[in-house]
Amino acid sequence: MNIRPYTQNDLAAIFDIYRRSKLDELKFEEKVFTLLPLEEDKERLRGLMESQIYVYQEQGQILGFGANCGHEIRALFVAPKHRGKGVGKALFEFLLSNIHGQPCLYVASTNQPAKYLYHEYGFSVTETFETTYNQVSVIAQKMVRMASV
């Protein structure tokens, strides 16, 4: 396992993992969503590029990536065939270890598996609001880590 800062050479792999993973976080929604690739989503791409981005690499292959900007965890994506193998957990713990202060993140309110993981790490919902993904409304929640776990 190797978690390291991303380089420009990693962008194609990051775009690919995002493309194969993004809609999974919205699969519990009643609405139908259409993927907007990261390289075409100016707002999300700008937010990612403003962040510290890290990739999880094994044997030369990027299996996932995560990003934080200040106290906010902005991204955590794992290639579908590598889920359930500790990649996401390792990235999440790495991101948390690099945040000084009270970490926060945003999650679709219906994404119970992700929220369960975040609760295990001491995060609690502090705000619920409406946002959009590719022009379709989504109820999202801000979660904040209330105490060190």
N, C-alpha and C. Protein backbone atom coordinates (compact mmCIF):
# COMPACT_ATOMS: atom_id res chain seq x y z
N MET A 1 0.85 -1.19 0.00
CA MET A 1 0.00 0.00 0.00
C MET A 1 0.89 1.24 0.00
N ASN A 2 0.49 2.18 -0.81
CA ASN A 2 1.21 3.45 -0.87
C ASN A 2 0.20 4.56 -1.10
N ILE A 3 0.09 5.46 -0.14
CA ILE A 3 -0.73 6.66 -0.32
C ILE A 3 0.24 7.81 -0.50
N ARG A 4 0.06 8.52 -1.60
CA ARG A 4 1.00 9.59 -1.93
C ARG A 4 0.25 10.76 -2.56
N PRO A 5 0.88 11.95 -2.58
CA PRO A 5 0.27 13.08 -3.27
C PRO A 5 0.12 12.75 -4.76
N TYR A 6 -0.95 13.22 -5.34
CA TYR A 6 -1.17 12.96 -6.76
C TYR A 6 -0.19 13.79 -7.59
N THR A 7 0.03 13.34 -8.81
CA THR A 7 0.77 14.11 -9.81
C THR A 7 -0.13 14.26 -11.03
N GLN A 8 0.25 15.14 -11.94
CA GLN A 8 -0.53 15.34 -13.17
C GLN A 8 -0.69 14.03 -13.92
N ASN A 9 0.28 13.14 -13.82
CA ASN A 9 0.20 11.84 -14.49
C ASN A 9 -0.93 10.97 -13.95
N ASP A 10 -1.46 11.29 -12.78
CA ASP A 10 -2.53 10.51 -12.16
C ASP A 10 -3.92 10.95 -12.60
N LEU A 11 -4.02 12.08 -13.29
CA LEU A 11 -5.35 12.64 -13.58
C LEU A 11 -6.24 11.69 -14.38
N ALA A 12 -5.70 10.98 -15.35
CA ALA A 12 -6.53 10.06 -16.14
C ALA A 12 -7.13 8.99 -15.24
N ALA A 13 -6.35 8.46 -14.30
CA ALA A 13 -6.85 7.44 -13.38
C ALA A 13 -7.89 8.03 -12.43
N ILE A 14 -7.67 9.25 -11.96
CA ILE A 14 -8.64 9.92 -11.09
C ILE A 14 -9.95 10.13 -11.83
N PHE A 15 -9.89 10.61 -13.07
CA PHE A 15 -11.10 10.81 -13.86
C PHE A 15 -11.83 9.48 -14.07
N ASP A 16 -11.08 8.40 -14.32
CA ASP A 16 -11.68 7.09 -14.55
C ASP A 16 -12.36 6.56 -13.30
N ILE A 17 -11.70 6.65 -12.15
CA ILE A 17 -12.30 6.18 -10.89
C ILE A 17 -13.55 6.99 -10.58
N TYR A 18 -13.49 8.29 -10.76
CA TYR A 18 -14.66 9.15 -10.53
C TYR A 18 -15.81 8.71 -11.44
N ARG A 19 -15.50 8.51 -12.72
CA ARG A 19 -16.53 8.13 -13.69
C ARG A 19 -17.21 6.81 -13.29
N ARG A 20 -16.44 5.86 -12.77
CA ARG A 20 -16.99 4.56 -12.40
C ARG A 20 -17.62 4.55 -11.01
N SER A 21 -17.43 5.62 -10.24
CA SER A 21 -17.87 5.61 -8.84
C SER A 21 -18.89 6.67 -8.47
N LYS A 22 -18.90 7.80 -9.13
CA LYS A 22 -19.69 8.95 -8.69
C LYS A 22 -21.16 8.63 -8.48
N LEU A 23 -21.78 7.96 -9.44
CA LEU A 23 -23.22 7.72 -9.31
C LEU A 23 -23.56 6.74 -8.19
N ASP A 24 -22.58 5.97 -7.71
CA ASP A 24 -22.84 5.04 -6.60
C ASP A 24 -23.26 5.78 -5.34
N GLU A 25 -22.76 6.99 -5.13
CA GLU A 25 -23.14 7.73 -3.93
C GLU A 25 -24.56 8.26 -4.02
N LEU A 26 -25.14 8.21 -5.22
CA LEU A 26 -26.52 8.69 -5.43
C LEU A 26 -27.48 7.55 -5.72
N LYS A 27 -27.03 6.31 -5.61
CA LYS A 27 -27.87 5.18 -6.00
C LYS A 27 -29.06 4.94 -5.07
N PHE A 28 -29.06 5.55 -3.92
CA PHE A 28 -30.18 5.38 -2.99
C PHE A 28 -31.25 6.46 -3.18
N GLU A 29 -31.00 7.38 -4.09
CA GLU A 29 -31.97 8.44 -4.39
C GLU A 29 -33.10 7.88 -5.24
N GLU A 30 -34.28 8.48 -5.12
CA GLU A 30 -35.41 8.07 -5.95
C GLU A 30 -35.28 8.60 -7.37
N LYS A 31 -34.59 9.71 -7.53
CA LYS A 31 -34.43 10.33 -8.85
C LYS A 31 -33.35 9.59 -9.65
N VAL A 32 -33.41 9.77 -10.94
CA VAL A 32 -32.41 9.19 -11.83
C VAL A 32 -31.37 10.26 -12.14
N PHE A 33 -30.11 9.91 -12.01
CA PHE A 33 -29.02 10.83 -12.26
C PHE A 33 -28.21 10.37 -13.47
N THR A 34 -27.71 11.33 -14.20
CA THR A 34 -26.83 11.08 -15.33
C THR A 34 -25.45 11.59 -14.95
N LEU A 35 -24.45 10.78 -15.23
CA LEU A 35 -23.09 11.15 -14.88
C LEU A 35 -22.64 12.39 -15.65
N LEU A 36 -22.05 13.31 -14.93
CA LEU A 36 -21.32 14.43 -15.51
C LEU A 36 -19.85 14.16 -15.20
N PRO A 37 -19.07 13.74 -16.20
CA PRO A 37 -17.67 13.40 -15.93
C PRO A 37 -16.94 14.55 -15.22
N LEU A 38 -16.05 14.19 -14.34
CA LEU A 38 -15.33 15.19 -13.54
C LEU A 38 -14.64 16.22 -14.42
N GLU A 39 -14.05 15.79 -15.51
CA GLU A 39 -13.33 16.73 -16.37
C GLU A 39 -14.26 17.73 -17.05
N GLU A 40 -15.59 17.46 -17.04
CA GLU A 40 -16.57 18.37 -17.61
C GLU A 40 -17.34 19.15 -16.54
N ASP A 41 -17.19 18.75 -15.29
CA ASP A 41 -17.90 19.39 -14.18
C ASP A 41 -16.99 20.47 -13.58
N LYS A 42 -17.10 21.66 -14.13
CA LYS A 42 -16.18 22.74 -13.76
C LYS A 42 -16.15 23.02 -12.26
N GLU A 43 -17.32 23.02 -11.62
CA GLU A 43 -17.40 23.33 -10.19
C GLU A 43 -16.69 22.27 -9.35
N ARG A 44 -16.99 20.99 -9.59
CA ARG A 44 -16.37 19.94 -8.78
C ARG A 44 -14.89 19.78 -9.10
N LEU A 45 -14.53 19.96 -10.36
CA LEU A 45 -13.12 19.88 -10.73
C LEU A 45 -12.33 21.01 -10.07
N ARG A 46 -12.88 22.21 -10.07
CA ARG A 46 -12.20 23.34 -9.42
C ARG A 46 -12.03 23.05 -7.92
N GLY A 47 -13.08 22.55 -7.27
CA GLY A 47 -12.99 22.22 -5.85
C GLY A 47 -11.94 21.16 -5.57
N LEU A 48 -11.84 20.17 -6.45
CA LEU A 48 -10.83 19.14 -6.27
C LEU A 48 -9.43 19.71 -6.46
N MET A 49 -9.25 20.50 -7.49
CA MET A 49 -7.93 21.05 -7.80
C MET A 49 -7.44 22.05 -6.75
N GLU A 50 -8.37 22.63 -5.99
CA GLU A 50 -7.99 23.53 -4.89
C GLU A 50 -7.55 22.75 -3.64
N SER A 51 -7.69 21.44 -3.69
CA SER A 51 -7.47 20.58 -2.53
C SER A 51 -6.11 19.90 -2.58
N GLN A 52 -5.76 19.29 -1.45
CA GLN A 52 -4.62 18.38 -1.38
C GLN A 52 -5.17 17.02 -1.81
N ILE A 53 -4.69 16.50 -2.92
CA ILE A 53 -5.20 15.24 -3.48
C ILE A 53 -4.17 14.15 -3.24
N TYR A 54 -4.66 12.99 -2.81
CA TYR A 54 -3.81 11.83 -2.57
C TYR A 54 -4.36 10.63 -3.31
N VAL A 55 -3.47 9.77 -3.78
CA VAL A 55 -3.89 8.55 -4.44
C VAL A 55 -3.41 7.35 -3.65
N TYR A 56 -4.20 6.30 -3.71
CA TYR A 56 -3.84 5.01 -3.12
C TYR A 56 -3.37 4.15 -4.27
N GLN A 57 -2.12 3.72 -4.18
CA GLN A 57 -1.52 2.98 -5.29
C GLN A 57 -0.98 1.65 -4.79
N GLU A 58 -1.20 0.60 -5.57
CA GLU A 58 -0.63 -0.72 -5.30
C GLU A 58 -0.11 -1.28 -6.61
N GLN A 59 1.11 -1.75 -6.60
CA GLN A 59 1.74 -2.35 -7.77
C GLN A 59 1.55 -1.50 -9.03
N GLY A 60 1.74 -0.19 -8.87
CA GLY A 60 1.67 0.72 -10.00
C GLY A 60 0.28 1.11 -10.44
N GLN A 61 -0.74 0.57 -9.78
CA GLN A 61 -2.13 0.86 -10.17
C GLN A 61 -2.80 1.73 -9.11
N ILE A 62 -3.49 2.78 -9.55
CA ILE A 62 -4.22 3.65 -8.62
C ILE A 62 -5.58 3.02 -8.37
N LEU A 63 -5.86 2.73 -7.09
CA LEU A 63 -7.09 2.06 -6.70
C LEU A 63 -8.13 3.03 -6.14
N GLY A 64 -7.70 4.22 -5.73
CA GLY A 64 -8.62 5.19 -5.17
C GLY A 64 -7.92 6.52 -4.98
N PHE A 65 -8.72 7.52 -4.64
CA PHE A 65 -8.15 8.83 -4.35
C PHE A 65 -9.01 9.55 -3.33
N GLY A 66 -8.40 10.47 -2.63
CA GLY A 66 -9.10 11.29 -1.65
C GLY A 66 -8.51 12.69 -1.66
N ALA A 67 -9.26 13.64 -1.13
CA ALA A 67 -8.78 15.02 -1.11
C ALA A 67 -9.34 15.76 0.08
N ASN A 68 -8.52 16.66 0.61
CA ASN A 68 -9.02 17.57 1.64
C ASN A 68 -8.54 18.98 1.33
N CYS A 69 -9.36 19.93 1.77
CA CYS A 69 -9.03 21.34 1.64
C CYS A 69 -9.29 21.96 3.01
N GLY A 70 -8.22 22.31 3.69
CA GLY A 70 -8.39 22.79 5.06
C GLY A 70 -8.97 21.67 5.91
N HIS A 71 -10.08 21.95 6.57
CA HIS A 71 -10.73 20.96 7.44
C HIS A 71 -11.71 20.07 6.69
N GLU A 72 -11.97 20.37 5.43
CA GLU A 72 -13.01 19.66 4.68
C GLU A 72 -12.44 18.50 3.87
N ILE A 73 -13.02 17.32 4.06
CA ILE A 73 -12.72 16.19 3.18
C ILE A 73 -13.61 16.37 1.95
N ARG A 74 -12.99 16.59 0.81
CA ARG A 74 -13.74 16.93 -0.41
C ARG A 74 -13.98 15.74 -1.32
N ALA A 75 -13.19 14.70 -1.19
CA ALA A 75 -13.35 13.56 -2.09
C ALA A 75 -12.84 12.30 -1.42
N LEU A 76 -13.53 11.20 -1.70
CA LEU A 76 -13.09 9.87 -1.28
C LEU A 76 -13.73 8.88 -2.24
N PHE A 77 -12.95 8.39 -3.19
CA PHE A 77 -13.45 7.49 -4.22
C PHE A 77 -12.54 6.29 -4.35
N VAL A 78 -13.15 5.11 -4.46
CA VAL A 78 -12.41 3.86 -4.65
C VAL A 78 -12.96 3.18 -5.89
N ALA A 79 -12.06 2.66 -6.72
CA ALA A 79 -12.48 1.91 -7.90
C ALA A 79 -13.39 0.77 -7.46
N PRO A 80 -14.51 0.56 -8.15
CA PRO A 80 -15.50 -0.44 -7.71
C PRO A 80 -14.92 -1.82 -7.41
N LYS A 81 -14.01 -2.32 -8.22
CA LYS A 81 -13.52 -3.69 -7.98
C LYS A 81 -12.55 -3.77 -6.80
N HIS A 82 -12.20 -2.64 -6.22
CA HIS A 82 -11.29 -2.65 -5.07
C HIS A 82 -11.98 -2.24 -3.77
N ARG A 83 -13.29 -2.14 -3.80
CA ARG A 83 -14.03 -1.79 -2.59
C ARG A 83 -14.09 -3.00 -1.65
N GLY A 84 -14.23 -2.70 -0.37
CA GLY A 84 -14.32 -3.76 0.62
C GLY A 84 -12.99 -4.38 0.96
N LYS A 85 -11.90 -3.76 0.52
CA LYS A 85 -10.56 -4.30 0.76
C LYS A 85 -9.71 -3.37 1.63
N GLY A 86 -10.35 -2.35 2.22
CA GLY A 86 -9.62 -1.45 3.10
C GLY A 86 -9.03 -0.22 2.44
N VAL A 87 -9.22 -0.07 1.13
CA VAL A 87 -8.66 1.08 0.41
C VAL A 87 -9.31 2.37 0.90
N GLY A 88 -10.63 2.40 0.92
CA GLY A 88 -11.35 3.60 1.35
C GLY A 88 -11.05 3.96 2.80
N LYS A 89 -11.01 2.95 3.64
CA LYS A 89 -10.72 3.19 5.06
C LYS A 89 -9.31 3.75 5.23
N ALA A 90 -8.35 3.19 4.50
CA ALA A 90 -6.97 3.69 4.60
C ALA A 90 -6.88 5.13 4.12
N LEU A 91 -7.52 5.44 3.00
CA LEU A 91 -7.52 6.81 2.50
C LEU A 91 -8.19 7.76 3.48
N PHE A 92 -9.34 7.33 4.03
CA PHE A 92 -10.08 8.17 4.97
C PHE A 92 -9.24 8.47 6.21
N GLU A 93 -8.62 7.44 6.77
CA GLU A 93 -7.78 7.64 7.95
C GLU A 93 -6.57 8.53 7.62
N PHE A 94 -6.02 8.37 6.43
CA PHE A 94 -4.91 9.22 6.01
C PHE A 94 -5.35 10.67 5.93
N LEU A 95 -6.49 10.92 5.31
CA LEU A 95 -7.00 12.29 5.21
C LEU A 95 -7.23 12.88 6.59
N LEU A 96 -7.86 12.10 7.48
CA LEU A 96 -8.11 12.58 8.84
C LEU A 96 -6.80 12.94 9.55
N SER A 97 -5.77 12.15 9.33
CA SER A 97 -4.50 12.40 10.01
C SER A 97 -3.83 13.68 9.52
N ASN A 98 -4.23 14.17 8.36
CA ASN A 98 -3.65 15.39 7.80
C ASN A 98 -4.47 16.64 8.09
N ILE A 99 -5.56 16.48 8.80
CA ILE A 99 -6.42 17.62 9.12
C ILE A 99 -6.19 18.02 10.57
N HIS A 100 -5.85 19.27 10.77
CA HIS A 100 -5.68 19.79 12.13
C HIS A 100 -6.90 20.64 12.42
N GLY A 101 -7.62 20.29 13.46
CA GLY A 101 -8.87 20.97 13.77
C GLY A 101 -10.02 20.00 13.59
N GLN A 102 -11.19 20.55 13.39
CA GLN A 102 -12.42 19.76 13.34
C GLN A 102 -12.79 19.42 11.89
N PRO A 103 -12.58 18.16 11.47
CA PRO A 103 -12.87 17.79 10.09
C PRO A 103 -14.37 17.82 9.78
N CYS A 104 -14.68 18.12 8.52
CA CYS A 104 -16.06 18.07 8.06
C CYS A 104 -16.09 17.49 6.66
N LEU A 105 -17.27 17.07 6.25
CA LEU A 105 -17.48 16.53 4.91
C LEU A 105 -18.94 16.67 4.55
N TYR A 106 -19.25 16.41 3.30
CA TYR A 106 -20.62 16.49 2.81
C TYR A 106 -20.99 15.17 2.17
N VAL A 107 -22.24 14.75 2.36
CA VAL A 107 -22.68 13.44 1.89
C VAL A 107 -24.15 13.54 1.48
N ALA A 108 -24.54 12.75 0.47
CA ALA A 108 -25.95 12.67 0.11
C ALA A 108 -26.69 12.07 1.30
N SER A 109 -27.82 12.65 1.66
CA SER A 109 -28.52 12.21 2.88
C SER A 109 -28.97 10.76 2.81
N THR A 110 -29.14 10.22 1.60
CA THR A 110 -29.59 8.83 1.46
C THR A 110 -28.44 7.83 1.43
N ASN A 111 -27.21 8.29 1.46
CA ASN A 111 -26.06 7.40 1.36
C ASN A 111 -25.72 6.83 2.75
N GLN A 112 -26.58 5.93 3.21
CA GLN A 112 -26.43 5.38 4.55
C GLN A 112 -25.13 4.61 4.77
N PRO A 113 -24.63 3.83 3.80
CA PRO A 113 -23.35 3.14 4.04
C PRO A 113 -22.21 4.11 4.35
N ALA A 114 -22.13 5.21 3.60
CA ALA A 114 -21.07 6.20 3.87
C ALA A 114 -21.30 6.86 5.22
N LYS A 115 -22.55 7.23 5.50
CA LYS A 115 -22.84 7.89 6.78
C LYS A 115 -22.52 6.97 7.95
N TYR A 116 -22.76 5.68 7.80
CA TYR A 116 -22.43 4.72 8.86
C TYR A 116 -20.93 4.74 9.14
N LEU A 117 -20.12 4.72 8.07
CA LEU A 117 -18.67 4.78 8.24
C LEU A 117 -18.27 6.06 8.95
N TYR A 118 -18.83 7.17 8.51
CA TYR A 118 -18.46 8.46 9.10
C TYR A 118 -18.86 8.53 10.57
N HIS A 119 -20.03 7.95 10.91
CA HIS A 119 -20.45 7.90 12.33
C HIS A 119 -19.44 7.11 13.15
N GLU A 120 -18.91 6.03 12.60
CA GLU A 120 -17.92 5.22 13.31
C GLU A 120 -16.67 6.03 13.66
N TYR A 121 -16.40 7.06 12.89
CA TYR A 121 -15.24 7.91 13.13
C TYR A 121 -15.60 9.18 13.88
N GLY A 122 -16.78 9.22 14.48
CA GLY A 122 -17.14 10.35 15.33
C GLY A 122 -17.81 11.51 14.63
N PHE A 123 -18.22 11.33 13.38
CA PHE A 123 -18.90 12.40 12.65
C PHE A 123 -20.40 12.40 12.97
N SER A 124 -20.98 13.58 13.03
CA SER A 124 -22.42 13.75 13.24
C SER A 124 -22.95 14.76 12.23
N VAL A 125 -24.21 14.58 11.85
CA VAL A 125 -24.86 15.51 10.93
C VAL A 125 -25.10 16.82 11.66
N THR A 126 -24.68 17.92 11.04
CA THR A 126 -24.88 19.24 11.64
C THR A 126 -25.77 20.13 10.78
N GLU A 127 -26.00 19.73 9.54
CA GLU A 127 -26.78 20.57 8.64
C GLU A 127 -27.34 19.71 7.52
N THR A 128 -28.58 20.00 7.12
CA THR A 128 -29.21 19.35 5.97
C THR A 128 -29.64 20.45 5.01
N PHE A 129 -29.36 20.26 3.73
CA PHE A 129 -29.65 21.30 2.75
C PHE A 129 -29.86 20.69 1.37
N GLU A 130 -30.40 21.48 0.47
CA GLU A 130 -30.60 21.03 -0.90
C GLU A 130 -29.47 21.56 -1.78
N THR A 131 -28.96 20.68 -2.63
CA THR A 131 -27.94 21.05 -3.60
C THR A 131 -28.33 20.38 -4.92
N THR A 132 -27.44 20.40 -5.89
CA THR A 132 -27.74 19.73 -7.15
C THR A 132 -26.53 18.94 -7.62
N TYR A 133 -26.82 17.92 -8.40
CA TYR A 133 -25.79 17.21 -9.14
C TYR A 133 -26.28 17.12 -10.58
N ASN A 134 -25.54 17.68 -11.50
CA ASN A 134 -25.90 17.67 -12.91
C ASN A 134 -27.33 18.16 -13.12
N GLN A 135 -27.67 19.23 -12.44
CA GLN A 135 -28.94 19.94 -12.55
C GLN A 135 -30.14 19.19 -11.94
N VAL A 136 -29.88 18.17 -11.13
CA VAL A 136 -30.95 17.44 -10.44
C VAL A 136 -30.76 17.68 -8.94
N SER A 137 -31.85 18.02 -8.25
CA SER A 137 -31.72 18.34 -6.82
C SER A 137 -31.43 17.10 -5.99
N VAL A 138 -30.64 17.32 -4.94
CA VAL A 138 -30.23 16.28 -4.01
C VAL A 138 -30.26 16.89 -2.61
N ILE A 139 -30.76 16.14 -1.65
CA ILE A 139 -30.67 16.56 -0.25
C ILE A 139 -29.33 16.04 0.27
N ALA A 140 -28.52 16.96 0.76
CA ALA A 140 -27.19 16.62 1.27
C ALA A 140 -27.09 16.99 2.74
N GLN A 141 -26.06 16.46 3.36
CA GLN A 141 -25.83 16.77 4.77
C GLN A 141 -24.36 17.08 5.01
N LYS A 142 -24.16 18.05 5.88
CA LYS A 142 -22.81 18.34 6.36
C LYS A 142 -22.61 17.51 7.61
N MET A 143 -21.46 16.84 7.69
CA MET A 143 -21.12 16.07 8.87
C MET A 143 -19.81 16.61 9.43
N VAL A 144 -19.76 16.72 10.75
CA VAL A 144 -18.59 17.25 11.43
C VAL A 144 -18.14 16.23 12.46
N ARG A 145 -16.84 16.06 12.57
CA ARG A 145 -16.29 15.17 13.59
C ARG A 145 -16.29 15.93 14.90
N MET A 146 -17.11 15.45 15.83
CA MET A 146 -17.33 16.17 17.07
C MET A 146 -16.22 15.97 18.10
N ALA A 147 -15.53 14.84 18.04
CA ALA A 147 -14.47 14.57 19.01
C ALA A 147 -13.49 13.60 18.39
N SER A 148 -12.28 13.59 18.90
CA SER A 148 -11.30 12.63 18.42
C SER A 148 -11.73 11.23 18.81
N VAL A 149 -11.58 10.34 17.87
CA VAL A 149 -11.96 8.94 18.10
C VAL A 149 -10.73 8.08 17.96
